[in-house]
Amino acid sequence: MEKVNKVIITIFLVIAAFQAHAQESINGIWLTEEGNSKVEIYQKGDKSFGKVVWLEQPTDQNGNPVTDRNNPNKDLRNRQVLGIDMLKDLQYRNGKWYGKIYAPKRGLELDVVLVGLGKEKLELNVSYRGFTRKQTWTRSTL
């Protein structure tokens, strides 16, 4: 009986270690598919988030920081896009991360499922009103 308990505990620890490693593997800086922004994915508590850390064009034609002008909340339209969390509440289940993604260009928050494609690629499946769009992000640096 004691050997069985040790085996069960060992299996549990291996599974827990694998899941913890899988969750951490998406942390880091990612270049979006369009190549016009970079998002840093980080963990906070038991969820992950993704903050905009670089924009190809961080200012508008007048030299002012790009703002979240399409946000449905009028109070947030003057906040800078650089620095906002565009990925929210990502939770790991069965090899995928489920959460929300905010699209500043459209002012929409959408469902997203992320799947790691090795260490250097991240596939995002973004869903809205029954339609799903797939995009691939590439690991990057600042």
C-alpha atoms as a PDB file:
ATOM      1  CA  MET A   1       0.000   0.000   0.000  1.00  0.00           C
ATOM      2  CA  GLU A   2       2.841   2.365   0.836  1.00  0.00           C
ATOM      3  CA  LYS A   3       4.431   1.791  -2.600  1.00  0.00           C
ATOM      4  CA  VAL A   4       1.109   2.541  -4.304  1.00  0.00           C
ATOM      5  CA  ASN A   5       0.810   5.824  -2.391  1.00  0.00           C
ATOM      6  CA  LYS A   6       4.360   6.805  -3.399  1.00  0.00           C
ATOM      7  CA  VAL A   7       3.599   6.044  -7.056  1.00  0.00           C
ATOM      8  CA  ILE A   8       0.392   8.085  -6.941  1.00  0.00           C
ATOM      9  CA  ILE A   9       2.183  11.003  -5.297  1.00  0.00           C
ATOM     10  CA  THR A  10       5.008  10.826  -7.846  1.00  0.00           C
ATOM     11  CA  ILE A  11       2.543  10.809 -10.756  1.00  0.00           C
ATOM     12  CA  PHE A  12       0.683  13.766  -9.257  1.00  0.00           C
ATOM     13  CA  LEU A  13       3.922  15.748  -8.846  1.00  0.00           C
ATOM     14  CA  VAL A  14       5.016  15.026 -12.439  1.00  0.00           C
ATOM     15  CA  ILE A  15       1.646  16.176 -13.787  1.00  0.00           C
ATOM     16  CA  ALA A  16       1.694  19.317 -11.634  1.00  0.00           C
ATOM     17  CA  ALA A  17       5.254  20.150 -12.753  1.00  0.00           C
ATOM     18  CA  PHE A  18       4.315  19.641 -16.411  1.00  0.00           C
ATOM     19  CA  GLN A  19       1.280  21.908 -16.117  1.00  0.00           C
ATOM     20  CA  ALA A  20       3.274  24.624 -14.326  1.00  0.00           C
ATOM     21  CA  HIS A  21       5.957  24.476 -17.047  1.00  0.00           C
ATOM     22  CA  ALA A  22       3.342  24.631 -19.810  1.00  0.00           C
ATOM     23  CA  GLN A  23       1.712  27.686 -18.282  1.00  0.00           C
ATOM     24  CA  GLU A  24       5.022  29.533 -18.016  1.00  0.00           C
ATOM     25  CA  SER A  25       6.090  28.692 -21.560  1.00  0.00           C
ATOM     26  CA  ILE A  26       4.023  31.501 -23.108  1.00  0.00           C
ATOM     27  CA  ASN A  27       5.506  34.159 -20.820  1.00  0.00           C
ATOM     28  CA  GLY A  28       7.715  36.629 -22.650  1.00  0.00           C
ATOM     29  CA  ILE A  29       7.532  39.146 -25.466  1.00  0.00           C
ATOM     30  CA  TRP A  30       5.645  38.318 -28.670  1.00  0.00           C
ATOM     31  CA  LEU A  31       5.559  40.098 -32.030  1.00  0.00           C
ATOM     32  CA  THR A  32       2.017  40.161 -33.404  1.00  0.00           C
ATOM     33  CA  GLU A  33       1.288  38.663 -36.817  1.00  0.00           C
ATOM     34  CA  GLU A  34       1.039  42.099 -38.444  1.00  0.00           C
ATOM     35  CA  GLY A  35       4.440  43.031 -37.004  1.00  0.00           C
ATOM     36  CA  ASN A  36       3.184  46.400 -35.761  1.00  0.00           C
ATOM     37  CA  SER A  37       3.157  45.702 -32.022  1.00  0.00           C
ATOM     38  CA  LYS A  38       4.725  43.571 -29.321  1.00  0.00           C
ATOM     39  CA  VAL A  39       2.913  42.118 -26.337  1.00  0.00           C
ATOM     40  CA  GLU A  40       4.534  40.915 -23.138  1.00  0.00           C
ATOM     41  CA  ILE A  41       2.712  37.964 -21.614  1.00  0.00           C
ATOM     42  CA  TYR A  42       3.141  37.671 -17.868  1.00  0.00           C
ATOM     43  CA  GLN A  43       1.560  35.731 -15.050  1.00  0.00           C
ATOM     44  CA  LYS A  44      -0.323  37.358 -12.202  1.00  0.00           C
ATOM     45  CA  GLY A  45      -1.691  34.915  -9.656  1.00  0.00           C
ATOM     46  CA  ASP A  46      -3.197  31.932 -11.428  1.00  0.00           C
ATOM     47  CA  LYS A  47      -3.928  33.869 -14.655  1.00  0.00           C
ATOM     48  CA  SER A  48      -1.826  35.341 -17.452  1.00  0.00           C
ATOM     49  CA  PHE A  49      -2.129  38.754 -19.084  1.00  0.00           C
ATOM     50  CA  GLY A  50      -0.539  40.431 -22.088  1.00  0.00           C
ATOM     51  CA  LYS A  51       0.556  44.075 -22.048  1.00  0.00           C
ATOM     52  CA  VAL A  52       1.369  46.148 -25.166  1.00  0.00           C
ATOM     53  CA  VAL A  53       5.060  47.031 -24.742  1.00  0.00           C
ATOM     54  CA  TRP A  54       6.000  48.278 -28.232  1.00  0.00           C
ATOM     55  CA  LEU A  55       4.221  49.880 -31.172  1.00  0.00           C
ATOM     56  CA  GLU A  56       5.708  50.394 -34.613  1.00  0.00           C
ATOM     57  CA  GLN A  57       3.927  53.759 -34.686  1.00  0.00           C
ATOM     58  CA  PRO A  58       3.530  54.877 -31.056  1.00  0.00           C
ATOM     59  CA  THR A  59       2.413  58.391 -32.042  1.00  0.00           C
ATOM     60  CA  ASP A  60      -0.271  59.798 -34.315  1.00  0.00           C
ATOM     61  CA  GLN A  61       0.259  62.263 -37.190  1.00  0.00           C
ATOM     62  CA  ASN A  62       0.476  65.125 -34.651  1.00  0.00           C
ATOM     63  CA  GLY A  63       3.168  63.424 -32.578  1.00  0.00           C
ATOM     64  CA  ASN A  64       0.802  62.530 -29.723  1.00  0.00           C
ATOM     65  CA  PRO A  65       0.767  59.036 -28.199  1.00  0.00           C
ATOM     66  CA  VAL A  66      -1.696  56.668 -29.882  1.00  0.00           C
ATOM     67  CA  THR A  67      -4.796  56.426 -27.701  1.00  0.00           C
ATOM     68  CA  ASP A  68      -7.594  53.910 -27.288  1.00  0.00           C
ATOM     69  CA  ARG A  69      -9.975  56.150 -29.256  1.00  0.00           C
ATOM     70  CA  ASN A  70     -12.365  53.348 -30.296  1.00  0.00           C
ATOM     71  CA  ASN A  71     -13.001  52.114 -26.756  1.00  0.00           C
ATOM     72  CA  PRO A  72     -16.753  51.853 -26.096  1.00  0.00           C
ATOM     73  CA  ASN A  73     -16.117  53.363 -22.653  1.00  0.00           C
ATOM     74  CA  LYS A  74     -15.722  57.094 -23.310  1.00  0.00           C
ATOM     75  CA  ASP A  75     -13.659  57.491 -20.128  1.00  0.00           C
ATOM     76  CA  LEU A  76     -10.958  55.185 -21.546  1.00  0.00           C
ATOM     77  CA  ARG A  77     -10.621  56.746 -25.013  1.00  0.00           C
ATOM     78  CA  ASN A  78      -7.743  59.000 -23.950  1.00  0.00           C
ATOM     79  CA  ARG A  79      -5.599  56.249 -22.405  1.00  0.00           C
ATOM     80  CA  GLN A  80      -2.473  55.294 -24.310  1.00  0.00           C
ATOM     81  CA  VAL A  81      -2.512  51.984 -26.184  1.00  0.00           C
ATOM     82  CA  LEU A  82       1.101  51.446 -25.157  1.00  0.00           C
ATOM     83  CA  GLY A  83       0.878  49.798 -21.750  1.00  0.00           C
ATOM     84  CA  ILE A  84      -2.666  48.427 -21.827  1.00  0.00           C
ATOM     85  CA  ASP A  85      -3.398  44.774 -21.143  1.00  0.00           C
ATOM     86  CA  MET A  86      -4.784  43.464 -24.415  1.00  0.00           C
ATOM     87  CA  LEU A  87      -4.762  39.827 -23.227  1.00  0.00           C
ATOM     88  CA  LYS A  88      -6.775  39.246 -20.067  1.00  0.00           C
ATOM     89  CA  ASP A  89      -7.606  36.465 -17.656  1.00  0.00           C
ATOM     90  CA  LEU A  90      -5.829  33.681 -19.564  1.00  0.00           C
ATOM     91  CA  GLN A  91      -6.285  30.344 -17.808  1.00  0.00           C
ATOM     92  CA  TYR A  92      -4.538  27.120 -18.771  1.00  0.00           C
ATOM     93  CA  ARG A  93      -6.657  24.024 -19.458  1.00  0.00           C
ATOM     94  CA  ASN A  94      -5.826  20.919 -21.477  1.00  0.00           C
ATOM     95  CA  GLY A  95      -2.802  22.371 -23.277  1.00  0.00           C
ATOM     96  CA  LYS A  96      -4.423  25.716 -24.188  1.00  0.00           C
ATOM     97  CA  TRP A  97      -4.912  29.128 -22.626  1.00  0.00           C
ATOM     98  CA  TYR A  98      -8.455  30.526 -22.638  1.00  0.00           C
ATOM     99  CA  GLY A  99      -9.280  34.172 -22.034  1.00  0.00           C
ATOM    100  CA  LYS A 100     -10.066  37.519 -23.633  1.00  0.00           C
ATOM    101  CA  ILE A 101      -8.233  39.737 -26.095  1.00  0.00           C
ATOM    102  CA  TYR A 102      -8.926  43.441 -26.527  1.00  0.00           C
ATOM    103  CA  ALA A 103      -8.632  44.823 -30.069  1.00  0.00           C
ATOM    104  CA  PRO A 104      -7.943  48.576 -29.773  1.00  0.00           C
ATOM    105  CA  LYS A 105      -8.504  49.218 -33.499  1.00  0.00           C
ATOM    106  CA  ARG A 106     -12.105  48.044 -33.142  1.00  0.00           C
ATOM    107  CA  GLY A 107     -12.682  48.717 -29.456  1.00  0.00           C
ATOM    108  CA  LEU A 108     -13.821  45.133 -28.935  1.00  0.00           C
ATOM    109  CA  GLU A 109     -13.050  42.494 -26.336  1.00  0.00           C
ATOM    110  CA  LEU A 110     -13.107  39.026 -27.917  1.00  0.00           C
ATOM    111  CA  ASP A 111     -12.728  35.424 -26.831  1.00  0.00           C
ATOM    112  CA  VAL A 112      -9.261  33.993 -27.461  1.00  0.00           C
ATOM    113  CA  VAL A 113      -7.627  30.585 -27.235  1.00  0.00           C
ATOM    114  CA  LEU A 114      -3.812  30.424 -27.343  1.00  0.00           C
ATOM    115  CA  VAL A 115      -1.836  27.355 -28.311  1.00  0.00           C
ATOM    116  CA  GLY A 116       1.948  27.129 -28.083  1.00  0.00           C
ATOM    117  CA  LEU A 117       3.603  25.950 -31.307  1.00  0.00           C
ATOM    118  CA  GLY A 118       6.982  25.111 -29.844  1.00  0.00           C
ATOM    119  CA  LYS A 119       8.913  27.764 -27.942  1.00  0.00           C
ATOM    120  CA  GLU A 120       8.987  30.371 -30.723  1.00  0.00           C
ATOM    121  CA  LYS A 121       5.414  30.513 -32.074  1.00  0.00           C
ATOM    122  CA  LEU A 122       2.043  31.136 -30.495  1.00  0.00           C
ATOM    123  CA  GLU A 123      -1.229  30.510 -32.311  1.00  0.00           C
ATOM    124  CA  LEU A 124      -4.187  32.681 -31.362  1.00  0.00           C
ATOM    125  CA  ASN A 125      -7.749  31.721 -32.257  1.00  0.00           C
ATOM    126  CA  VAL A 126      -9.844  34.842 -31.862  1.00  0.00           C
ATOM    127  CA  SER A 127     -13.632  34.373 -31.879  1.00  0.00           C
ATOM    128  CA  TYR A 128     -16.417  36.879 -32.318  1.00  0.00           C
ATOM    129  CA  ARG A 129     -20.068  36.184 -33.083  1.00  0.00           C
ATOM    130  CA  GLY A 130     -19.438  32.669 -34.335  1.00  0.00           C
ATOM    131  CA  PHE A 131     -16.447  33.557 -36.520  1.00  0.00           C
ATOM    132  CA  THR A 132     -12.890  32.562 -35.658  1.00  0.00           C
ATOM    133  CA  ARG A 133      -9.726  34.139 -37.010  1.00  0.00           C
ATOM    134  CA  LYS A 134      -6.382  32.428 -36.555  1.00  0.00           C
ATOM    135  CA  GLN A 135      -3.107  34.326 -36.250  1.00  0.00           C
ATOM    136  CA  THR A 136       0.434  33.449 -35.297  1.00  0.00           C
ATOM    137  CA  TRP A 137       2.677  35.484 -33.026  1.00  0.00           C
ATOM    138  CA  THR A 138       6.454  35.048 -32.907  1.00  0.00           C
ATOM    139  CA  ARG A 139       8.645  35.208 -29.817  1.00  0.00           C
ATOM    140  CA  SER A 140      10.651  38.442 -29.783  1.00  0.00           C
ATOM    141  CA  THR A 141      12.661  40.849 -27.678  1.00  0.00           C
ATOM    142  CA  LEU A 142      12.261  44.564 -27.089  1.00  0.00           C
END
